[in-house]
Amino acid sequence: MSFLRFAGSLRPSLGRILSLILLPVATACAQVPYPSKPVTLLVGSAPGGSNDIFARAIAKRLQLAWGQPFVVENKPAAGGVLANTLVAKSAPDGYTLVVLSSTFTTGAAIRTNLQYDAIQNFAPIAMLAKGPLFITVSNHTPFKSIAELVAYCREHPHKLNYGSSGVGSINQFATELFADAAQIKLTHVPYKGMNPAVTDLIGGQIDMIVASAPSLLAQINGEKIRALAVTTTSQSAVAPSVPSLGDSGYARATVDLWWGILAPAGTPTPIIEKLNNEINKIVASEEMKSFFLKEGAEPVAMTPPEFAQYIAQEITRWKQVAAAADIQPE
């Protein structure tokens, strides 16, 4: 046998040998543990808001659990749309995530100019918590109960006005949902954020606000404004003395404010599941239960498919509310 024929006969064997040598290397590269570098959590609002506060609490505990930095970056523009867009267009590798809240679904229900699809371009990771919205009125009004408020509004359509943090906000959607269930007509006064709206509620320039515990609880406890109800099915641990809409006969108008974490679509399932398992463990701790309660929320654990279904149902619901109340994007 010639040398060339002999060498040719070795080629398949050499190929198999090389593949056996390289296989462990390739497998090791494919199985680099997550996370192996810093993870960025984007927040579409300024520091100090509930999204930011919750993001920093979760980031701190994920960093302690896994030994890699979890860095919170604030991108306060366009009601969270900038942060959402950046994440939707990021590499689906688990290293760029977004912490957001219910406004993600109300925005998706009415805005047609988004640079992302709220369903198709994201992979839900975990819900963090839910909390009630408070139906509050100015101390300059006479109302002491939801029944009194509804009775007045039925006799005086559009006379009572309410403030919100802007057109398309969860505040506006929740208020219009309640108005529809109660068969009353209110006048909307949009603000550029909740703080100026609350200031005007205290001063009596507006009559009513439906907003979250972080926005209103200090003013309620200080008796600067009056809470008539929480928007939940039953009374909330956040404010156990305040009646619920469900108990007041308006179950159709119940709303939970929620917070959660999303990744770009296409993020590998093992990474999604690892994040979900660890986050669910974190929010279930007694430390985090106490933390959330002080911030006006209660922890909620969901699997990624459950959270994805919840978001889809929320968008469908808010589209119906927008159509009924003629809520249009600015």
C-alpha atoms as a PDB file:
ATOM      1  CA  MET A   1       0.000   0.000   0.000  1.00  0.00           C
ATOM      2  CA  SER A   2       1.378   3.421  -0.965  1.00  0.00           C
ATOM      3  CA  PHE A   3       1.899   6.129   1.652  1.00  0.00           C
ATOM      4  CA  LEU A   4      -0.791   8.301   0.078  1.00  0.00           C
ATOM      5  CA  ARG A   5      -3.340   5.489   0.146  1.00  0.00           C
ATOM      6  CA  PHE A   6      -2.384   4.729   3.781  1.00  0.00           C
ATOM      7  CA  ALA A   7      -2.709   8.389   4.834  1.00  0.00           C
ATOM      8  CA  GLY A   8      -6.066   8.615   3.050  1.00  0.00           C
ATOM      9  CA  SER A   9      -7.312   5.613   4.961  1.00  0.00           C
ATOM     10  CA  LEU A  10      -6.499   7.406   8.238  1.00  0.00           C
ATOM     11  CA  ARG A  11      -8.525  10.563   7.484  1.00  0.00           C
ATOM     12  CA  PRO A  12     -11.883   9.315   8.863  1.00  0.00           C
ATOM     13  CA  SER A  13     -10.153   8.014  11.973  1.00  0.00           C
ATOM     14  CA  LEU A  14      -8.298  11.307  12.472  1.00  0.00           C
ATOM     15  CA  GLY A  15     -11.574  13.202  12.032  1.00  0.00           C
ATOM     16  CA  ARG A  16     -13.271  11.075  14.670  1.00  0.00           C
ATOM     17  CA  ILE A  17     -10.325  11.523  17.032  1.00  0.00           C
ATOM     18  CA  LEU A  18     -10.370  15.307  16.590  1.00  0.00           C
ATOM     19  CA  SER A  19     -14.126  15.433  17.156  1.00  0.00           C
ATOM     20  CA  LEU A  20     -13.745  13.467  20.386  1.00  0.00           C
ATOM     21  CA  ILE A  21     -10.992  15.851  21.523  1.00  0.00           C
ATOM     22  CA  LEU A  22     -12.997  19.006  20.663  1.00  0.00           C
ATOM     23  CA  LEU A  23     -16.390  17.811  21.910  1.00  0.00           C
ATOM     24  CA  PRO A  24     -15.710  18.499  25.606  1.00  0.00           C
ATOM     25  CA  VAL A  25     -14.402  21.977  24.689  1.00  0.00           C
ATOM     26  CA  ALA A  26     -17.538  22.800  22.691  1.00  0.00           C
ATOM     27  CA  THR A  27     -19.784  21.407  25.405  1.00  0.00           C
ATOM     28  CA  ALA A  28     -18.018  23.464  28.057  1.00  0.00           C
ATOM     29  CA  CYS A  29     -18.460  26.624  25.963  1.00  0.00           C
ATOM     30  CA  ALA A  30     -22.146  25.877  25.470  1.00  0.00           C
ATOM     31  CA  GLN A  31     -22.626  25.312  29.179  1.00  0.00           C
ATOM     32  CA  VAL A  32     -21.030  28.472  30.568  1.00  0.00           C
ATOM     33  CA  PRO A  33     -22.936  28.999  33.827  1.00  0.00           C
ATOM     34  CA  TYR A  34     -25.431  31.855  33.945  1.00  0.00           C
ATOM     35  CA  PRO A  35     -24.713  34.517  34.955  1.00  0.00           C
ATOM     36  CA  SER A  36     -21.002  34.722  34.147  1.00  0.00           C
ATOM     37  CA  LYS A  37     -20.874  38.537  33.804  1.00  0.00           C
ATOM     38  CA  PRO A  38     -22.858  41.590  34.992  1.00  0.00           C
ATOM     39  CA  VAL A  39     -26.613  41.668  34.307  1.00  0.00           C
ATOM     40  CA  THR A  40     -28.373  44.967  33.547  1.00  0.00           C
ATOM     41  CA  LEU A  41     -31.893  45.671  34.818  1.00  0.00           C
ATOM     42  CA  LEU A  42     -33.441  48.580  32.928  1.00  0.00           C
ATOM     43  CA  VAL A  43     -36.161  50.669  34.579  1.00  0.00           C
ATOM     44  CA  GLY A  44     -38.272  53.026  32.480  1.00  0.00           C
ATOM     45  CA  SER A  45     -38.744  55.601  35.234  1.00  0.00           C
ATOM     46  CA  ALA A  46     -36.675  57.891  37.413  1.00  0.00           C
ATOM     47  CA  PRO A  47     -35.008  56.742  40.634  1.00  0.00           C
ATOM     48  CA  GLY A  48     -37.329  56.631  43.637  1.00  0.00           C
ATOM     49  CA  GLY A  49     -40.441  55.238  41.951  1.00  0.00           C
ATOM     50  CA  SER A  50     -41.855  51.824  42.783  1.00  0.00           C
ATOM     51  CA  ASN A  51     -40.356  50.185  39.668  1.00  0.00           C
ATOM     52  CA  ASP A  52     -36.921  51.489  40.622  1.00  0.00           C
ATOM     53  CA  ILE A  53     -37.273  50.562  44.308  1.00  0.00           C
ATOM     54  CA  PHE A  54     -38.355  47.000  43.486  1.00  0.00           C
ATOM     55  CA  ALA A  55     -35.672  46.598  40.817  1.00  0.00           C
ATOM     56  CA  ARG A  56     -32.921  47.572  43.265  1.00  0.00           C
ATOM     57  CA  ALA A  57     -34.252  45.241  45.954  1.00  0.00           C
ATOM     58  CA  ILE A  58     -34.317  42.273  43.565  1.00  0.00           C
ATOM     59  CA  ALA A  59     -30.948  43.164  42.002  1.00  0.00           C
ATOM     60  CA  LYS A  60     -29.277  43.256  45.405  1.00  0.00           C
ATOM     61  CA  ARG A  61     -30.554  39.796  46.317  1.00  0.00           C
ATOM     62  CA  LEU A  62     -29.767  38.216  42.939  1.00  0.00           C
ATOM     63  CA  GLN A  63     -26.222  39.547  43.237  1.00  0.00           C
ATOM     64  CA  LEU A  64     -25.903  38.013  46.704  1.00  0.00           C
ATOM     65  CA  ALA A  65     -27.277  34.691  45.450  1.00  0.00           C
ATOM     66  CA  TRP A  66     -25.118  34.382  42.325  1.00  0.00           C
ATOM     67  CA  GLY A  67     -22.032  36.503  42.945  1.00  0.00           C
ATOM     68  CA  GLN A  68     -22.362  38.581  39.780  1.00  0.00           C
ATOM     69  CA  PRO A  69     -23.300  42.287  39.629  1.00  0.00           C
ATOM     70  CA  PHE A  70     -26.941  43.072  38.833  1.00  0.00           C
ATOM     71  CA  VAL A  71     -26.903  46.737  37.797  1.00  0.00           C
ATOM     72  CA  VAL A  72     -30.034  48.919  37.683  1.00  0.00           C
ATOM     73  CA  GLU A  73     -30.095  51.554  34.919  1.00  0.00           C
ATOM     74  CA  ASN A  74     -32.874  54.168  34.776  1.00  0.00           C
ATOM     75  CA  LYS A  75     -34.196  55.186  31.359  1.00  0.00           C
ATOM     76  CA  PRO A  76     -37.019  57.586  32.271  1.00  0.00           C
ATOM     77  CA  ALA A  77     -38.547  58.437  28.911  1.00  0.00           C
ATOM     78  CA  ALA A  78     -41.895  58.010  27.163  1.00  0.00           C
ATOM     79  CA  GLY A  79     -43.624  56.223  30.026  1.00  0.00           C
ATOM     80  CA  GLY A  80     -41.173  53.341  30.017  1.00  0.00           C
ATOM     81  CA  VAL A  81     -41.221  52.852  26.253  1.00  0.00           C
ATOM     82  CA  LEU A  82     -37.499  53.608  25.844  1.00  0.00           C
ATOM     83  CA  ALA A  83     -36.441  50.970  28.368  1.00  0.00           C
ATOM     84  CA  ASN A  84     -38.859  48.446  26.881  1.00  0.00           C
ATOM     85  CA  THR A  85     -37.548  49.117  23.367  1.00  0.00           C
ATOM     86  CA  LEU A  86     -33.921  48.722  24.418  1.00  0.00           C
ATOM     87  CA  VAL A  87     -34.643  45.366  26.008  1.00  0.00           C
ATOM     88  CA  ALA A  88     -36.764  44.138  23.092  1.00  0.00           C
ATOM     89  CA  LYS A  89     -33.825  44.842  20.769  1.00  0.00           C
ATOM     90  CA  SER A  90     -31.128  43.428  23.066  1.00  0.00           C
ATOM     91  CA  ALA A  91     -29.347  40.103  22.616  1.00  0.00           C
ATOM     92  CA  PRO A  92     -31.536  37.310  24.042  1.00  0.00           C
ATOM     93  CA  ASP A  93     -28.872  36.062  26.423  1.00  0.00           C
ATOM     94  CA  GLY A  94     -30.306  36.987  29.830  1.00  0.00           C
ATOM     95  CA  TYR A  95     -27.931  39.892  30.430  1.00  0.00           C
ATOM     96  CA  THR A  96     -30.371  42.744  29.663  1.00  0.00           C
ATOM     97  CA  LEU A  97     -33.741  42.659  31.442  1.00  0.00           C
ATOM     98  CA  VAL A  98     -36.483  45.175  32.209  1.00  0.00           C
ATOM     99  CA  VAL A  99     -38.407  45.758  35.445  1.00  0.00           C
ATOM    100  CA  LEU A 100     -41.830  47.225  34.725  1.00  0.00           C
ATOM    101  CA  SER A 101     -45.410  47.470  35.931  1.00  0.00           C
ATOM    102  CA  SER A 102     -49.024  47.557  34.754  1.00  0.00           C
ATOM    103  CA  THR A 103     -48.455  50.596  32.532  1.00  0.00           C
ATOM    104  CA  PHE A 104     -46.664  48.212  30.148  1.00  0.00           C
ATOM    105  CA  THR A 105     -50.039  46.664  29.302  1.00  0.00           C
ATOM    106  CA  THR A 106     -52.104  49.871  29.229  1.00  0.00           C
ATOM    107  CA  GLY A 107     -49.575  51.418  26.860  1.00  0.00           C
ATOM    108  CA  ALA A 108     -49.666  48.362  24.626  1.00  0.00           C
ATOM    109  CA  ALA A 109     -53.468  48.568  24.563  1.00  0.00           C
ATOM    110  CA  ILE A 110     -53.615  52.016  22.946  1.00  0.00           C
ATOM    111  CA  ARG A 111     -50.268  52.932  21.386  1.00  0.00           C
ATOM    112  CA  THR A 112     -49.786  52.005  17.745  1.00  0.00           C
ATOM    113  CA  ASN A 113     -46.333  53.581  17.310  1.00  0.00           C
ATOM    114  CA  LEU A 114     -44.378  51.278  19.623  1.00  0.00           C
ATOM    115  CA  GLN A 115     -41.132  49.887  18.250  1.00  0.00           C
ATOM    116  CA  TYR A 116     -41.921  46.505  19.775  1.00  0.00           C
ATOM    117  CA  ASP A 117     -44.735  44.003  20.122  1.00  0.00           C
ATOM    118  CA  ALA A 118     -45.601  43.598  23.808  1.00  0.00           C
ATOM    119  CA  ILE A 119     -46.324  39.885  23.302  1.00  0.00           C
ATOM    120  CA  GLN A 120     -43.965  38.757  20.554  1.00  0.00           C
ATOM    121  CA  ASN A 121     -40.787  40.636  21.503  1.00  0.00           C
ATOM    122  CA  PHE A 122     -40.539  39.709  25.189  1.00  0.00           C
ATOM    123  CA  ALA A 123     -40.079  36.616  27.331  1.00  0.00           C
ATOM    124  CA  PRO A 124     -41.800  37.065  30.721  1.00  0.00           C
ATOM    125  CA  ILE A 125     -39.559  35.918  33.577  1.00  0.00           C
ATOM    126  CA  ALA A 126     -41.417  36.512  36.834  1.00  0.00           C
ATOM    127  CA  MET A 127     -44.036  38.637  38.494  1.00  0.00           C
ATOM    128  CA  LEU A 128     -42.720  40.298  41.635  1.00  0.00           C
ATOM    129  CA  ALA A 129     -45.755  41.676  43.426  1.00  0.00           C
ATOM    130  CA  LYS A 130     -49.263  43.052  43.218  1.00  0.00           C
ATOM    131  CA  GLY A 131     -50.813  45.933  45.080  1.00  0.00           C
ATOM    132  CA  PRO A 132     -54.084  47.805  45.232  1.00  0.00           C
ATOM    133  CA  LEU A 133     -54.897  51.162  43.750  1.00  0.00           C
ATOM    134  CA  PHE A 134     -56.710  53.544  46.089  1.00  0.00           C
ATOM    135  CA  ILE A 135     -59.836  55.471  45.145  1.00  0.00           C
ATOM    136  CA  THR A 136     -59.264  58.740  46.963  1.00  0.00           C
ATOM    137  CA  VAL A 137     -61.021  62.100  47.149  1.00  0.00           C
ATOM    138  CA  SER A 138     -60.050  65.551  48.306  1.00  0.00           C
ATOM    139  CA  ASN A 139     -60.955  66.580  51.835  1.00  0.00           C
ATOM    140  CA  HIS A 140     -62.717  69.489  50.130  1.00  0.00           C
ATOM    141  CA  THR A 141     -65.387  67.036  48.917  1.00  0.00           C
ATOM    142  CA  PRO A 142     -68.139  65.684  51.213  1.00  0.00           C
ATOM    143  CA  PHE A 143     -67.841  62.019  50.228  1.00  0.00           C
ATOM    144  CA  LYS A 144     -67.218  59.449  52.955  1.00  0.00           C
ATOM    145  CA  SER A 145     -67.998  56.295  50.945  1.00  0.00           C
ATOM    146  CA  ILE A 146     -68.096  54.892  47.434  1.00  0.00           C
ATOM    147  CA  ALA A 147     -71.907  54.852  47.634  1.00  0.00           C
ATOM    148  CA  GLU A 148     -72.002  58.604  48.313  1.00  0.00           C
ATOM    149  CA  LEU A 149     -69.565  59.297  45.484  1.00  0.00           C
ATOM    150  CA  VAL A 150     -71.553  57.216  42.991  1.00  0.00           C
ATOM    151  CA  ALA A 151     -74.893  58.747  44.017  1.00  0.00           C
ATOM    152  CA  TYR A 152     -73.535  62.265  43.492  1.00  0.00           C
ATOM    153  CA  CYS A 153     -71.956  61.454  40.123  1.00  0.00           C
ATOM    154  CA  ARG A 154     -75.139  59.862  38.807  1.00  0.00           C
ATOM    155  CA  GLU A 155     -77.021  63.070  39.578  1.00  0.00           C
ATOM    156  CA  HIS A 156     -74.225  65.339  38.262  1.00  0.00           C
ATOM    157  CA  PRO A 157     -72.576  63.723  35.179  1.00  0.00           C
ATOM    158  CA  HIS A 158     -69.069  65.022  34.366  1.00  0.00           C
ATOM    159  CA  LYS A 159     -69.091  67.489  37.298  1.00  0.00           C
ATOM    160  CA  LEU A 160     -66.584  65.490  39.343  1.00  0.00           C
ATOM    161  CA  ASN A 161     -63.071  65.494  37.906  1.00  0.00           C
ATOM    162  CA  TYR A 162     -60.170  63.122  38.494  1.00  0.00           C
ATOM    163  CA  GLY A 163     -56.428  63.436  38.024  1.00  0.00           C
ATOM    164  CA  SER A 164     -54.016  60.938  36.535  1.00  0.00           C
ATOM    165  CA  SER A 165     -50.311  60.716  35.746  1.00  0.00           C
ATOM    166  CA  GLY A 166     -51.108  61.050  32.039  1.00  0.00           C
ATOM    167  CA  VAL A 167     -53.197  59.813  29.140  1.00  0.00           C
ATOM    168  CA  GLY A 168     -52.986  56.034  28.884  1.00  0.00           C
ATOM    169  CA  SER A 169     -51.740  55.581  32.450  1.00  0.00           C
ATOM    170  CA  ILE A 170     -52.997  52.809  34.692  1.00  0.00           C
ATOM    171  CA  ASN A 171     -54.610  55.564  36.789  1.00  0.00           C
ATOM    172  CA  GLN A 172     -56.805  56.647  33.889  1.00  0.00           C
ATOM    173  CA  PHE A 173     -57.680  53.087  32.863  1.00  0.00           C
ATOM    174  CA  ALA A 174     -58.592  52.019  36.404  1.00  0.00           C
ATOM    175  CA  THR A 175     -60.741  55.126  36.932  1.00  0.00           C
ATOM    176  CA  GLU A 176     -62.599  54.693  33.653  1.00  0.00           C
ATOM    177  CA  LEU A 177     -63.164  51.004  34.414  1.00  0.00           C
ATOM    178  CA  PHE A 178     -64.725  51.974  37.757  1.00  0.00           C
ATOM    179  CA  ALA A 179     -66.815  54.728  36.130  1.00  0.00           C
ATOM    180  CA  ASP A 180     -68.178  52.266  33.595  1.00  0.00           C
ATOM    181  CA  ALA A 181     -69.043  49.685  36.269  1.00  0.00           C
ATOM    182  CA  ALA A 182     -70.713  52.353  38.437  1.00  0.00           C
ATOM    183  CA  GLN A 183     -72.464  53.936  35.432  1.00  0.00           C
ATOM    184  CA  ILE A 184     -71.125  57.399  36.153  1.00  0.00           C
ATOM    185  CA  LYS A 185     -69.413  60.070  34.026  1.00  0.00           C
ATOM    186  CA  LEU A 186     -66.221  61.760  35.224  1.00  0.00           C
ATOM    187  CA  THR A 187     -63.956  64.432  33.718  1.00  0.00           C
ATOM    188  CA  HIS A 188     -60.307  63.496  33.190  1.00  0.00           C
ATOM    189  CA  VAL A 189     -57.498  65.927  34.107  1.00  0.00           C
ATOM    190  CA  PRO A 190     -54.156  64.445  32.952  1.00  0.00           C
ATOM    191  CA  TYR A 191     -50.898  65.535  34.606  1.00  0.00           C
ATOM    192  CA  LYS A 192     -47.248  64.997  33.744  1.00  0.00           C
ATOM    193  CA  GLY A 193     -46.736  62.634  36.628  1.00  0.00           C
ATOM    194  CA  MET A 194     -48.537  61.732  39.839  1.00  0.00           C
ATOM    195  CA  ASN A 195     -46.839  64.172  42.243  1.00  0.00           C
ATOM    196  CA  PRO A 196     -48.452  67.360  40.833  1.00  0.00           C
ATOM    197  CA  ALA A 197     -51.808  65.585  40.662  1.00  0.00           C
ATOM    198  CA  VAL A 198     -51.621  64.620  44.343  1.00  0.00           C
ATOM    199  CA  THR A 199     -50.636  68.179  45.249  1.00  0.00           C
ATOM    200  CA  ASP A 200     -53.750  69.482  43.489  1.00  0.00           C
ATOM    201  CA  LEU A 201     -55.922  66.826  45.148  1.00  0.00           C
ATOM    202  CA  ILE A 202     -54.732  67.971  48.573  1.00  0.00           C
ATOM    203  CA  GLY A 203     -55.383  71.586  47.583  1.00  0.00           C
ATOM    204  CA  GLY A 204     -58.865  70.853  46.243  1.00  0.00           C
ATOM    205  CA  GLN A 205     -58.097  71.802  42.624  1.00  0.00           C
ATOM    206  CA  ILE A 206     -59.224  68.309  41.587  1.00  0.00           C
ATOM    207  CA  ASP A 207     -61.740  66.024  43.279  1.00  0.00           C
ATOM    208  CA  MET A 208     -60.502  62.470  42.890  1.00  0.00           C
ATOM    209  CA  ILE A 209     -57.481  60.278  42.139  1.00  0.00           C
ATOM    210  CA  VAL A 210     -57.124  56.519  41.679  1.00  0.00           C
ATOM    211  CA  ALA A 211     -53.475  55.629  42.252  1.00  0.00           C
ATOM    212  CA  SER A 212     -51.046  53.259  43.952  1.00  0.00           C
ATOM    213  CA  ALA A 213     -50.126  53.005  47.617  1.00  0.00           C
ATOM    214  CA  PRO A 214     -46.612  54.449  47.060  1.00  0.00           C
ATOM    215  CA  SER A 215     -48.232  57.545  45.555  1.00  0.00           C
ATOM    216  CA  LEU A 216     -51.001  58.054  48.113  1.00  0.00           C
ATOM    217  CA  LEU A 217     -50.546  56.130  51.356  1.00  0.00           C
ATOM    218  CA  ALA A 218     -48.556  58.810  53.190  1.00  0.00           C
ATOM    219  CA  GLN A 219     -51.225  61.412  52.384  1.00  0.00           C
ATOM    220  CA  ILE A 220     -54.009  59.012  53.382  1.00  0.00           C
ATOM    221  CA  ASN A 221     -52.351  58.192  56.705  1.00  0.00           C
ATOM    222  CA  GLY A 222     -51.711  61.889  57.279  1.00  0.00           C
ATOM    223  CA  GLU A 223     -55.424  62.576  56.639  1.00  0.00           C
ATOM    224  CA  LYS A 224     -54.565  65.023  53.863  1.00  0.00           C
ATOM    225  CA  ILE A 225     -56.864  63.094  51.494  1.00  0.00           C
ATOM    226  CA  ARG A 226     -59.609  60.517  52.045  1.00  0.00           C
ATOM    227  CA  ALA A 227     -59.513  56.871  50.861  1.00  0.00           C
ATOM    228  CA  LEU A 228     -62.917  55.467  49.903  1.00  0.00           C
ATOM    229  CA  ALA A 229     -61.868  52.060  48.566  1.00  0.00           C
ATOM    230  CA  VAL A 230     -59.092  49.877  47.261  1.00  0.00           C
ATOM    231  CA  THR A 231     -59.535  48.472  43.764  1.00  0.00           C
ATOM    232  CA  THR A 232     -59.118  44.835  44.785  1.00  0.00           C
ATOM    233  CA  THR A 233     -61.608  41.980  45.058  1.00  0.00           C
ATOM    234  CA  SER A 234     -61.274  41.813  48.847  1.00  0.00           C
ATOM    235  CA  GLN A 235     -59.658  43.966  51.504  1.00  0.00           C
ATOM    236  CA  SER A 236     -55.907  44.326  51.148  1.00  0.00           C
ATOM    237  CA  ALA A 237     -53.223  43.752  53.762  1.00  0.00           C
ATOM    238  CA  VAL A 238     -51.726  47.015  52.548  1.00  0.00           C
ATOM    239  CA  ALA A 239     -54.704  48.932  54.020  1.00  0.00           C
ATOM    240  CA  PRO A 240     -56.929  46.488  55.918  1.00  0.00           C
ATOM    241  CA  SER A 241     -59.308  49.191  57.170  1.00  0.00           C
ATOM    242  CA  VAL A 242     -60.236  50.426  53.669  1.00  0.00           C
ATOM    243  CA  PRO A 243     -63.214  48.722  51.911  1.00  0.00           C
ATOM    244  CA  SER A 244     -62.621  46.982  48.592  1.00  0.00           C
ATOM    245  CA  LEU A 245     -64.450  47.514  45.315  1.00  0.00           C
ATOM    246  CA  GLY A 246     -65.323  43.826  45.301  1.00  0.00           C
ATOM    247  CA  ASP A 247     -67.000  44.097  48.694  1.00  0.00           C
ATOM    248  CA  SER A 248     -68.693  47.342  47.616  1.00  0.00           C
ATOM    249  CA  GLY A 249     -70.507  45.673  44.726  1.00  0.00           C
ATOM    250  CA  TYR A 250     -68.165  46.616  41.882  1.00  0.00           C
ATOM    251  CA  ALA A 251     -66.273  43.378  41.294  1.00  0.00           C
ATOM    252  CA  ARG A 252     -66.108  44.082  37.549  1.00  0.00           C
ATOM    253  CA  ALA A 253     -63.987  47.152  38.257  1.00  0.00           C
ATOM    254  CA  THR A 254     -61.336  45.448  40.380  1.00  0.00           C
ATOM    255  CA  VAL A 255     -57.736  46.149  39.351  1.00  0.00           C
ATOM    256  CA  ASP A 256     -54.387  44.970  40.676  1.00  0.00           C
ATOM    257  CA  LEU A 257     -51.297  47.046  40.087  1.00  0.00           C
ATOM    258  CA  TRP A 258     -48.449  44.628  39.350  1.00  0.00           C
ATOM    259  CA  TRP A 259     -44.681  44.623  38.884  1.00  0.00           C
ATOM    260  CA  GLY A 260     -42.570  42.102  36.990  1.00  0.00           C
ATOM    261  CA  ILE A 261     -39.430  41.323  34.986  1.00  0.00           C
ATOM    262  CA  LEU A 262     -39.157  40.571  31.256  1.00  0.00           C
ATOM    263  CA  ALA A 263     -36.320  39.464  28.973  1.00  0.00           C
ATOM    264  CA  PRO A 264     -35.985  39.732  25.194  1.00  0.00           C
ATOM    265  CA  ALA A 265     -37.859  37.097  23.197  1.00  0.00           C
ATOM    266  CA  GLY A 266     -35.661  34.131  22.371  1.00  0.00           C
ATOM    267  CA  THR A 267     -33.826  34.085  25.693  1.00  0.00           C
ATOM    268  CA  PRO A 268     -32.966  30.423  26.359  1.00  0.00           C
ATOM    269  CA  THR A 269     -35.524  28.588  28.479  1.00  0.00           C
ATOM    270  CA  PRO A 270     -32.941  27.346  31.032  1.00  0.00           C
ATOM    271  CA  ILE A 271     -31.956  30.979  31.770  1.00  0.00           C
ATOM    272  CA  ILE A 272     -35.592  32.064  32.070  1.00  0.00           C
ATOM    273  CA  GLU A 273     -36.346  29.173  34.412  1.00  0.00           C
ATOM    274  CA  LYS A 274     -33.222  29.775  36.532  1.00  0.00           C
ATOM    275  CA  LEU A 275     -34.164  33.444  36.976  1.00  0.00           C
ATOM    276  CA  ASN A 276     -37.788  32.556  37.706  1.00  0.00           C
ATOM    277  CA  ASN A 277     -36.870  29.994  40.366  1.00  0.00           C
ATOM    278  CA  GLU A 278     -34.473  32.333  42.164  1.00  0.00           C
ATOM    279  CA  ILE A 279     -36.769  35.370  41.985  1.00  0.00           C
ATOM    280  CA  ASN A 280     -39.737  33.357  43.275  1.00  0.00           C
ATOM    281  CA  LYS A 281     -37.555  32.190  46.156  1.00  0.00           C
ATOM    282  CA  ILE A 282     -36.511  35.778  46.907  1.00  0.00           C
ATOM    283  CA  VAL A 283     -40.036  37.269  46.888  1.00  0.00           C
ATOM    284  CA  ALA A 284     -41.334  34.447  49.103  1.00  0.00           C
ATOM    285  CA  SER A 285     -38.885  35.296  51.892  1.00  0.00           C
ATOM    286  CA  GLU A 286     -40.229  36.925  55.049  1.00  0.00           C
ATOM    287  CA  GLU A 287     -37.804  39.795  54.541  1.00  0.00           C
ATOM    288  CA  MET A 288     -39.251  40.590  51.103  1.00  0.00           C
ATOM    289  CA  LYS A 289     -42.847  40.141  52.248  1.00  0.00           C
ATOM    290  CA  SER A 290     -42.234  42.815  54.869  1.00  0.00           C
ATOM    291  CA  PHE A 291     -40.425  45.021  52.345  1.00  0.00           C
ATOM    292  CA  PHE A 292     -43.235  44.827  49.782  1.00  0.00           C
ATOM    293  CA  LEU A 293     -45.912  45.514  52.375  1.00  0.00           C
ATOM    294  CA  LYS A 294     -44.158  48.734  53.414  1.00  0.00           C
ATOM    295  CA  GLU A 295     -44.174  49.737  49.735  1.00  0.00           C
ATOM    296  CA  GLY A 296     -47.874  48.983  49.291  1.00  0.00           C
ATOM    297  CA  ALA A 297     -47.666  45.567  47.649  1.00  0.00           C
ATOM    298  CA  GLU A 298     -47.710  41.841  48.334  1.00  0.00           C
ATOM    299  CA  PRO A 299     -45.389  39.256  46.704  1.00  0.00           C
ATOM    300  CA  VAL A 300     -46.743  37.066  43.922  1.00  0.00           C
ATOM    301  CA  ALA A 301     -45.067  34.013  42.381  1.00  0.00           C
ATOM    302  CA  MET A 302     -45.877  32.854  38.850  1.00  0.00           C
ATOM    303  CA  THR A 303     -44.233  30.552  36.330  1.00  0.00           C
ATOM    304  CA  PRO A 304     -43.079  32.209  33.078  1.00  0.00           C
ATOM    305  CA  PRO A 305     -46.041  30.745  31.089  1.00  0.00           C
ATOM    306  CA  GLU A 306     -48.499  31.949  33.763  1.00  0.00           C
ATOM    307  CA  PHE A 307     -47.012  35.442  33.667  1.00  0.00           C
ATOM    308  CA  ALA A 308     -47.120  35.491  29.852  1.00  0.00           C
ATOM    309  CA  GLN A 309     -50.805  34.538  29.907  1.00  0.00           C
ATOM    310  CA  TYR A 310     -51.530  37.190  32.547  1.00  0.00           C
ATOM    311  CA  ILE A 311     -49.926  39.934  30.434  1.00  0.00           C
ATOM    312  CA  ALA A 312     -51.871  38.878  27.330  1.00  0.00           C
ATOM    313  CA  GLN A 313     -55.148  38.916  29.267  1.00  0.00           C
ATOM    314  CA  GLU A 314     -54.346  42.368  30.701  1.00  0.00           C
ATOM    315  CA  ILE A 315     -53.716  43.829  27.242  1.00  0.00           C
ATOM    316  CA  THR A 316     -56.998  42.387  25.947  1.00  0.00           C
ATOM    317  CA  ARG A 317     -58.886  43.800  28.931  1.00  0.00           C
ATOM    318  CA  TRP A 318     -57.399  47.286  28.585  1.00  0.00           C
ATOM    319  CA  LYS A 319     -58.127  47.372  24.867  1.00  0.00           C
ATOM    320  CA  GLN A 320     -61.789  46.831  25.727  1.00  0.00           C
ATOM    321  CA  VAL A 321     -61.687  49.597  28.363  1.00  0.00           C
ATOM    322  CA  ALA A 322     -59.964  51.970  25.922  1.00  0.00           C
ATOM    323  CA  ALA A 323     -62.629  51.343  23.288  1.00  0.00           C
ATOM    324  CA  ALA A 324     -65.492  51.851  25.753  1.00  0.00           C
ATOM    325  CA  ALA A 325     -64.013  55.030  27.265  1.00  0.00           C
ATOM    326  CA  ASP A 326     -62.491  56.336  24.002  1.00  0.00           C
ATOM    327  CA  ILE A 327     -58.995  56.535  25.505  1.00  0.00           C
ATOM    328  CA  GLN A 328     -56.657  57.736  22.781  1.00  0.00           C
ATOM    329  CA  PRO A 329     -52.848  58.014  22.850  1.00  0.00           C
ATOM    330  CA  GLU A 330     -51.391  61.511  23.076  1.00  0.00           C
END
